[in-house]
Amino acid sequence: MSKKVAIIEGMTCGHCEGAVTKSLTELGNLTDIQVSSDAGTAQFIGEVTEQDLAAAIDDAGYRLVSLSNE
């Protein structure tokens, strides 16, 4: 499986990173999750629909801008 990169709008600090990491972890099928508020990204390995990913990020209080393979 290839690493995916999500561009996320609204993250500004470590708390934001923790909230997004928690939401992505709760999806249950993603591994190697790395969230960076500085870069505005979440990188992970696993399969997820863009709709499910957007919902998880929205639940954390942020907005998915785009999703791509690394």
PDB file of N, CA and C in Angstrom:
ATOM      1  N   MET A   1       0.833  -1.184   0.000  1.00  0.00           N
ATOM      2  CA  MET A   1       0.000   0.000   0.000  1.00  0.00           C
ATOM      3  C   MET A   1       0.874   1.242   0.000  1.00  0.00           C
ATOM      4  N   SER A   2       0.433   2.232  -0.710  1.00  0.00           N
ATOM      5  CA  SER A   2       1.217   3.461  -0.771  1.00  0.00           C
ATOM      6  C   SER A   2       0.784   4.430   0.313  1.00  0.00           C
ATOM      7  N   LYS A   3       1.700   5.319   0.640  1.00  0.00           N
ATOM      8  CA  LYS A   3       1.401   6.349   1.626  1.00  0.00           C
ATOM      9  C   LYS A   3       0.519   7.405   0.973  1.00  0.00           C
ATOM     10  N   LYS A   4      -0.465   7.856   1.720  1.00  0.00           N
ATOM     11  CA  LYS A   4      -1.371   8.895   1.235  1.00  0.00           C
ATOM     12  C   LYS A   4      -1.116  10.176   2.016  1.00  0.00           C
ATOM     13  N   VAL A   5      -1.392  11.297   1.359  1.00  0.00           N
ATOM     14  CA  VAL A   5      -1.201  12.605   1.978  1.00  0.00           C
ATOM     15  C   VAL A   5      -2.507  13.381   1.896  1.00  0.00           C
ATOM     16  N   ALA A   6      -2.995  13.801   3.050  1.00  0.00           N
ATOM     17  CA  ALA A   6      -4.188  14.633   3.117  1.00  0.00           C
ATOM     18  C   ALA A   6      -3.758  16.057   3.449  1.00  0.00           C
ATOM     19  N   ILE A   7      -4.243  17.001   2.689  1.00  0.00           N
ATOM     20  CA  ILE A   7      -4.016  18.418   2.983  1.00  0.00           C
ATOM     21  C   ILE A   7      -5.203  18.863   3.839  1.00  0.00           C
ATOM     22  N   ILE A   8      -4.896  19.432   5.001  1.00  0.00           N
ATOM     23  CA  ILE A   8      -5.926  19.780   5.969  1.00  0.00           C
ATOM     24  C   ILE A   8      -5.848  21.263   6.304  1.00  0.00           C
ATOM     25  N   GLU A   9      -6.998  21.905   6.297  1.00  0.00           N
ATOM     26  CA  GLU A   9      -7.079  23.332   6.593  1.00  0.00           C
ATOM     27  C   GLU A   9      -7.509  23.541   8.038  1.00  0.00           C
ATOM     28  N   GLY A  10      -6.829  24.475   8.726  1.00  0.00           N
ATOM     29  CA  GLY A  10      -7.259  24.899  10.053  1.00  0.00           C
ATOM     30  C   GLY A  10      -6.384  24.469  11.209  1.00  0.00           C
ATOM     31  N   MET A  11      -5.417  23.578  10.974  1.00  0.00           N
ATOM     32  CA  MET A  11      -4.550  23.133  12.073  1.00  0.00           C
ATOM     33  C   MET A  11      -3.486  24.185  12.363  1.00  0.00           C
ATOM     34  N   THR A  12      -3.264  24.466  13.664  1.00  0.00           N
ATOM     35  CA  THR A  12      -2.278  25.484  14.027  1.00  0.00           C
ATOM     36  C   THR A  12      -1.304  25.059  15.115  1.00  0.00           C
ATOM     37  N   CYS A  13      -1.553  23.914  15.780  1.00  0.00           N
ATOM     38  CA  CYS A  13      -0.717  23.580  16.937  1.00  0.00           C
ATOM     39  C   CYS A  13      -0.707  22.076  17.208  1.00  0.00           C
ATOM     40  N   GLY A  14      -0.003  21.713  18.252  1.00  0.00           N
ATOM     41  CA  GLY A  14       0.089  20.319  18.659  1.00  0.00           C
ATOM     42  C   GLY A  14      -1.255  19.734  19.067  1.00  0.00           C
ATOM     43  N   HIS A  15      -2.104  20.558  19.670  1.00  0.00           N
ATOM     44  CA  HIS A  15      -3.445  20.074  20.035  1.00  0.00           C
ATOM     45  C   HIS A  15      -4.216  19.682  18.776  1.00  0.00           C
ATOM     46  N   CYS A  16      -4.105  20.492  17.740  1.00  0.00           N
ATOM     47  CA  CYS A  16      -4.758  20.191  16.461  1.00  0.00           C
ATOM     48  C   CYS A  16      -4.247  18.859  15.911  1.00  0.00           C
ATOM     49  N   GLU A  17      -2.941  18.666  15.956  1.00  0.00           N
ATOM     50  CA  GLU A  17      -2.339  17.425  15.476  1.00  0.00           C
ATOM     51  C   GLU A  17      -2.899  16.233  16.238  1.00  0.00           C
ATOM     52  N   GLY A  18      -3.022  16.380  17.558  1.00  0.00           N
ATOM     53  CA  GLY A  18      -3.550  15.297  18.384  1.00  0.00           C
ATOM     54  C   GLY A  18      -4.997  14.977  18.059  1.00  0.00           C
ATOM     55  N   ALA A  19      -5.808  16.006  17.830  1.00  0.00           N
ATOM     56  CA  ALA A  19      -7.219  15.797  17.516  1.00  0.00           C
ATOM     57  C   ALA A  19      -7.381  15.066  16.186  1.00  0.00           C
ATOM     58  N   VAL A  20      -6.611  15.465  15.182  1.00  0.00           N
ATOM     59  CA  VAL A  20      -6.695  14.818  13.873  1.00  0.00           C
ATOM     60  C   VAL A  20      -6.158  13.390  13.956  1.00  0.00           C
ATOM     61  N   THR A  21      -5.049  13.199  14.651  1.00  0.00           N
ATOM     62  CA  THR A  21      -4.486  11.854  14.818  1.00  0.00           C
ATOM     63  C   THR A  21      -5.503  10.932  15.468  1.00  0.00           C
ATOM     64  N   LYS A  22      -6.174  11.405  16.507  1.00  0.00           N
ATOM     65  CA  LYS A  22      -7.178  10.600  17.206  1.00  0.00           C
ATOM     66  C   LYS A  22      -8.309  10.224  16.257  1.00  0.00           C
ATOM     67  N   SER A  23      -8.815  11.186  15.499  1.00  0.00           N
ATOM     68  CA  SER A  23      -9.908  10.899  14.569  1.00  0.00           C
ATOM     69  C   SER A  23      -9.501   9.898  13.494  1.00  0.00           C
ATOM     70  N   LEU A  24      -8.282  10.033  12.973  1.00  0.00           N
ATOM     71  CA  LEU A  24      -7.822   9.108  11.942  1.00  0.00           C
ATOM     72  C   LEU A  24      -7.592   7.717  12.520  1.00  0.00           C
ATOM     73  N   THR A  25      -7.092   7.641  13.742  1.00  0.00           N
ATOM     74  CA  THR A  25      -6.881   6.356  14.414  1.00  0.00           C
ATOM     75  C   THR A  25      -8.209   5.636  14.617  1.00  0.00           C
ATOM     76  N   GLU A  26      -9.242   6.394  14.939  1.00  0.00           N
ATOM     77  CA  GLU A  26     -10.558   5.800  15.186  1.00  0.00           C
ATOM     78  C   GLU A  26     -11.186   5.210  13.925  1.00  0.00           C
ATOM     79  N   LEU A  27     -10.690   5.575  12.740  1.00  0.00           N
ATOM     80  CA  LEU A  27     -11.169   4.945  11.515  1.00  0.00           C
ATOM     81  C   LEU A  27     -10.819   3.462  11.504  1.00  0.00           C
ATOM     82  N   GLY A  28      -9.742   3.091  12.215  1.00  0.00           N
ATOM     83  CA  GLY A  28      -9.401   1.697  12.439  1.00  0.00           C
ATOM     84  C   GLY A  28      -8.569   0.998  11.385  1.00  0.00           C
ATOM     85  N   ASN A  29      -8.439   1.537  10.207  1.00  0.00           N
ATOM     86  CA  ASN A  29      -7.710   0.829   9.154  1.00  0.00           C
ATOM     87  C   ASN A  29      -6.514   1.608   8.615  1.00  0.00           C
ATOM     88  N   LEU A  30      -6.101   2.650   9.325  1.00  0.00           N
ATOM     89  CA  LEU A  30      -4.953   3.443   8.884  1.00  0.00           C
ATOM     90  C   LEU A  30      -3.773   3.194   9.813  1.00  0.00           C
ATOM     91  N   THR A  31      -2.585   3.148   9.240  1.00  0.00           N
ATOM     92  CA  THR A  31      -1.365   2.955  10.028  1.00  0.00           C
ATOM     93  C   THR A  31      -0.357   4.045   9.682  1.00  0.00           C
ATOM     94  N   ASP A  32       0.697   4.117  10.464  1.00  0.00           N
ATOM     95  CA  ASP A  32       1.801   5.057  10.234  1.00  0.00           C
ATOM     96  C   ASP A  32       1.280   6.489  10.056  1.00  0.00           C
ATOM     97  N   ILE A  33       0.355   6.889  10.928  1.00  0.00           N
ATOM     98  CA  ILE A  33      -0.268   8.217  10.839  1.00  0.00           C
ATOM     99  C   ILE A  33       0.706   9.269  11.361  1.00  0.00           C
ATOM    100  N   GLN A  34       0.977  10.270  10.543  1.00  0.00           N
ATOM    101  CA  GLN A  34       1.853  11.382  10.905  1.00  0.00           C
ATOM    102  C   GLN A  34       1.160  12.680  10.518  1.00  0.00           C
ATOM    103  N   VAL A  35       0.826  13.491  11.528  1.00  0.00           N
ATOM    104  CA  VAL A  35       0.102  14.734  11.295  1.00  0.00           C
ATOM    105  C   VAL A  35       1.013  15.913  11.610  1.00  0.00           C
ATOM    106  N   SER A  36       1.039  16.903  10.738  1.00  0.00           N
ATOM    107  CA  SER A  36       1.873  18.094  10.920  1.00  0.00           C
ATOM    108  C   SER A  36       1.028  19.348  10.751  1.00  0.00           C
ATOM    109  N   SER A  37       0.890  20.112  11.831  1.00  0.00           N
ATOM    110  CA  SER A  37       0.165  21.380  11.715  1.00  0.00           C
ATOM    111  C   SER A  37       0.991  22.392  10.930  1.00  0.00           C
ATOM    112  N   ASP A  38       2.314  22.322  11.035  1.00  0.00           N
ATOM    113  CA  ASP A  38       3.181  23.240  10.282  1.00  0.00           C
ATOM    114  C   ASP A  38       2.992  23.070   8.775  1.00  0.00           C
ATOM    115  N   ALA A  39       2.941  21.830   8.325  1.00  0.00           N
ATOM    116  CA  ALA A  39       2.778  21.551   6.893  1.00  0.00           C
ATOM    117  C   ALA A  39       1.307  21.514   6.479  1.00  0.00           C
ATOM    118  N   GLY A  40       0.413  21.377   7.462  1.00  0.00           N
ATOM    119  CA  GLY A  40      -1.011  21.267   7.153  1.00  0.00           C
ATOM    120  C   GLY A  40      -1.352  19.952   6.493  1.00  0.00           C
ATOM    121  N   THR A  41      -0.670  18.868   6.935  1.00  0.00           N
ATOM    122  CA  THR A  41      -0.867  17.573   6.300  1.00  0.00           C
ATOM    123  C   THR A  41      -1.064  16.456   7.314  1.00  0.00           C
ATOM    124  N   ALA A  42      -1.659  15.385   6.819  1.00  0.00           N
ATOM    125  CA  ALA A  42      -1.688  14.103   7.526  1.00  0.00           C
ATOM    126  C   ALA A  42      -1.232  13.062   6.522  1.00  0.00           C
ATOM    127  N   GLN A  43      -0.223  12.291   6.892  1.00  0.00           N
ATOM    128  CA  GLN A  43       0.259  11.216   6.033  1.00  0.00           C
ATOM    129  C   GLN A  43      -0.072   9.904   6.726  1.00  0.00           C
ATOM    130  N   PHE A  44      -0.459   8.903   5.935  1.00  0.00           N
ATOM    131  CA  PHE A  44      -0.827   7.618   6.520  1.00  0.00           C
ATOM    132  C   PHE A  44      -0.790   6.544   5.456  1.00  0.00           C
ATOM    133  N   ILE A  45      -0.839   5.302   5.911  1.00  0.00           N
ATOM    134  CA  ILE A  45      -0.929   4.153   5.019  1.00  0.00           C
ATOM    135  C   ILE A  45      -2.256   3.475   5.322  1.00  0.00           C
ATOM    136  N   GLY A  46      -2.986   3.117   4.284  1.00  0.00           N
ATOM    137  CA  GLY A  46      -4.263   2.436   4.451  1.00  0.00           C
ATOM    138  C   GLY A  46      -5.263   2.887   3.421  1.00  0.00           C
ATOM    139  N   GLU A  47      -6.353   2.153   3.359  1.00  0.00           N
ATOM    140  CA  GLU A  47      -7.408   2.472   2.402  1.00  0.00           C
ATOM    141  C   GLU A  47      -8.557   3.145   3.133  1.00  0.00           C
ATOM    142  N   VAL A  48      -8.996   4.268   2.602  1.00  0.00           N
ATOM    143  CA  VAL A  48     -10.136   4.996   3.150  1.00  0.00           C
ATOM    144  C   VAL A  48     -10.737   5.819   2.015  1.00  0.00           C
ATOM    145  N   THR A  49     -12.056   5.936   2.017  1.00  0.00           N
ATOM    146  CA  THR A  49     -12.672   6.785   1.003  1.00  0.00           C
ATOM    147  C   THR A  49     -12.441   8.245   1.381  1.00  0.00           C
ATOM    148  N   GLU A  50     -12.435   9.093   0.384  1.00  0.00           N
ATOM    149  CA  GLU A  50     -12.244  10.516   0.651  1.00  0.00           C
ATOM    150  C   GLU A  50     -13.395  11.043   1.514  1.00  0.00           C
ATOM    151  N   GLN A  51     -14.587  10.505   1.315  1.00  0.00           N
ATOM    152  CA  GLN A  51     -15.758  10.911   2.099  1.00  0.00           C
ATOM    153  C   GLN A  51     -15.587  10.554   3.578  1.00  0.00           C
ATOM    154  N   ASP A  52     -15.126   9.332   3.865  1.00  0.00           N
ATOM    155  CA  ASP A  52     -14.918   8.921   5.259  1.00  0.00           C
ATOM    156  C   ASP A  52     -13.789   9.724   5.905  1.00  0.00           C
ATOM    157  N   LEU A  53     -12.737   9.976   5.134  1.00  0.00           N
ATOM    158  CA  LEU A  53     -11.617  10.762   5.647  1.00  0.00           C
ATOM    159  C   LEU A  53     -12.067  12.184   5.961  1.00  0.00           C
ATOM    160  N   ALA A  54     -12.816  12.786   5.046  1.00  0.00           N
ATOM    161  CA  ALA A  54     -13.311  14.150   5.256  1.00  0.00           C
ATOM    162  C   ALA A  54     -14.200  14.216   6.495  1.00  0.00           C
ATOM    163  N   ALA A  55     -15.043  13.194   6.699  1.00  0.00           N
ATOM    164  CA  ALA A  55     -15.932  13.165   7.866  1.00  0.00           C
ATOM    165  C   ALA A  55     -15.126  13.078   9.153  1.00  0.00           C
ATOM    166  N   ALA A  56     -14.082  12.245   9.173  1.00  0.00           N
ATOM    167  CA  ALA A  56     -13.251  12.101  10.371  1.00  0.00           C
ATOM    168  C   ALA A  56     -12.525  13.404  10.682  1.00  0.00           C
ATOM    169  N   ILE A  57     -12.003  14.055   9.667  1.00  0.00           N
ATOM    170  CA  ILE A  57     -11.292  15.325   9.865  1.00  0.00           C
ATOM    171  C   ILE A  57     -12.271  16.409  10.300  1.00  0.00           C
ATOM    172  N   ASP A  58     -13.462  16.407   9.713  1.00  0.00           N
ATOM    173  CA  ASP A  58     -14.501  17.362  10.093  1.00  0.00           C
ATOM    174  C   ASP A  58     -14.903  17.165  11.556  1.00  0.00           C
ATOM    175  N   ASP A  59     -15.018  15.907  11.985  1.00  0.00           N
ATOM    176  CA  ASP A  59     -15.358  15.602  13.378  1.00  0.00           C
ATOM    177  C   ASP A  59     -14.317  16.170  14.338  1.00  0.00           C
ATOM    178  N   ALA A  60     -13.060  16.258  13.878  1.00  0.00           N
ATOM    179  CA  ALA A  60     -11.988  16.812  14.707  1.00  0.00           C
ATOM    180  C   ALA A  60     -11.993  18.337  14.686  1.00  0.00           C
ATOM    181  N   GLY A  61     -12.781  18.931  13.778  1.00  0.00           N
ATOM    182  CA  GLY A  61     -12.889  20.387  13.723  1.00  0.00           C
ATOM    183  C   GLY A  61     -12.091  21.054  12.617  1.00  0.00           C
ATOM    184  N   TYR A  62     -11.687  20.264  11.622  1.00  0.00           N
ATOM    185  CA  TYR A  62     -10.861  20.793  10.543  1.00  0.00           C
ATOM    186  C   TYR A  62     -11.476  20.410   9.205  1.00  0.00           C
ATOM    187  N   ARG A  63     -10.842  20.836   8.101  1.00  0.00           N
ATOM    188  CA  ARG A  63     -11.413  20.586   6.782  1.00  0.00           C
ATOM    189  C   ARG A  63     -10.397  19.936   5.867  1.00  0.00           C
ATOM    190  N   LEU A  64     -10.808  18.832   5.228  1.00  0.00           N
ATOM    191  CA  LEU A  64      -9.979  18.168   4.225  1.00  0.00           C
ATOM    192  C   LEU A  64     -10.006  18.997   2.954  1.00  0.00           C
ATOM    193  N   VAL A  65      -8.819  19.370   2.466  1.00  0.00           N
ATOM    194  CA  VAL A  65      -8.711  20.142   1.221  1.00  0.00           C
ATOM    195  C   VAL A  65      -8.498  19.187   0.053  1.00  0.00           C
ATOM    196  N   SER A  66      -7.594  18.208   0.211  1.00  0.00           N
ATOM    197  CA  SER A  66      -7.336  17.252  -0.851  1.00  0.00           C
ATOM    198  C   SER A  66      -6.680  16.003  -0.290  1.00  0.00           C
ATOM    199  N   LEU A  67      -6.738  14.925  -1.090  1.00  0.00           N
ATOM    200  CA  LEU A  67      -6.137  13.654  -0.731  1.00  0.00           C
ATOM    201  C   LEU A  67      -5.395  13.144  -1.955  1.00  0.00           C
ATOM    202  N   SER A  68      -4.137  12.723  -1.756  1.00  0.00           N
ATOM    203  CA  SER A  68      -3.362  12.190  -2.880  1.00  0.00           C
ATOM    204  C   SER A  68      -2.417  11.109  -2.392  1.00  0.00           C
ATOM    205  N   ASN A  69      -1.875  10.349  -3.335  1.00  0.00           N
ATOM    206  CA  ASN A  69      -0.827   9.384  -3.021  1.00  0.00           C
ATOM    207  C   ASN A  69       0.494  10.098  -3.016  1.00  0.00           C
ATOM    208  N   GLU A  70       1.368   9.682  -2.120  1.00  0.00           N
ATOM    209  CA  GLU A  70       2.688  10.306  -2.025  1.00  0.00           C
ATOM    210  C   GLU A  70       3.553   9.884  -3.184  1.00  0.00           C
TER     211      GLU A  70
END
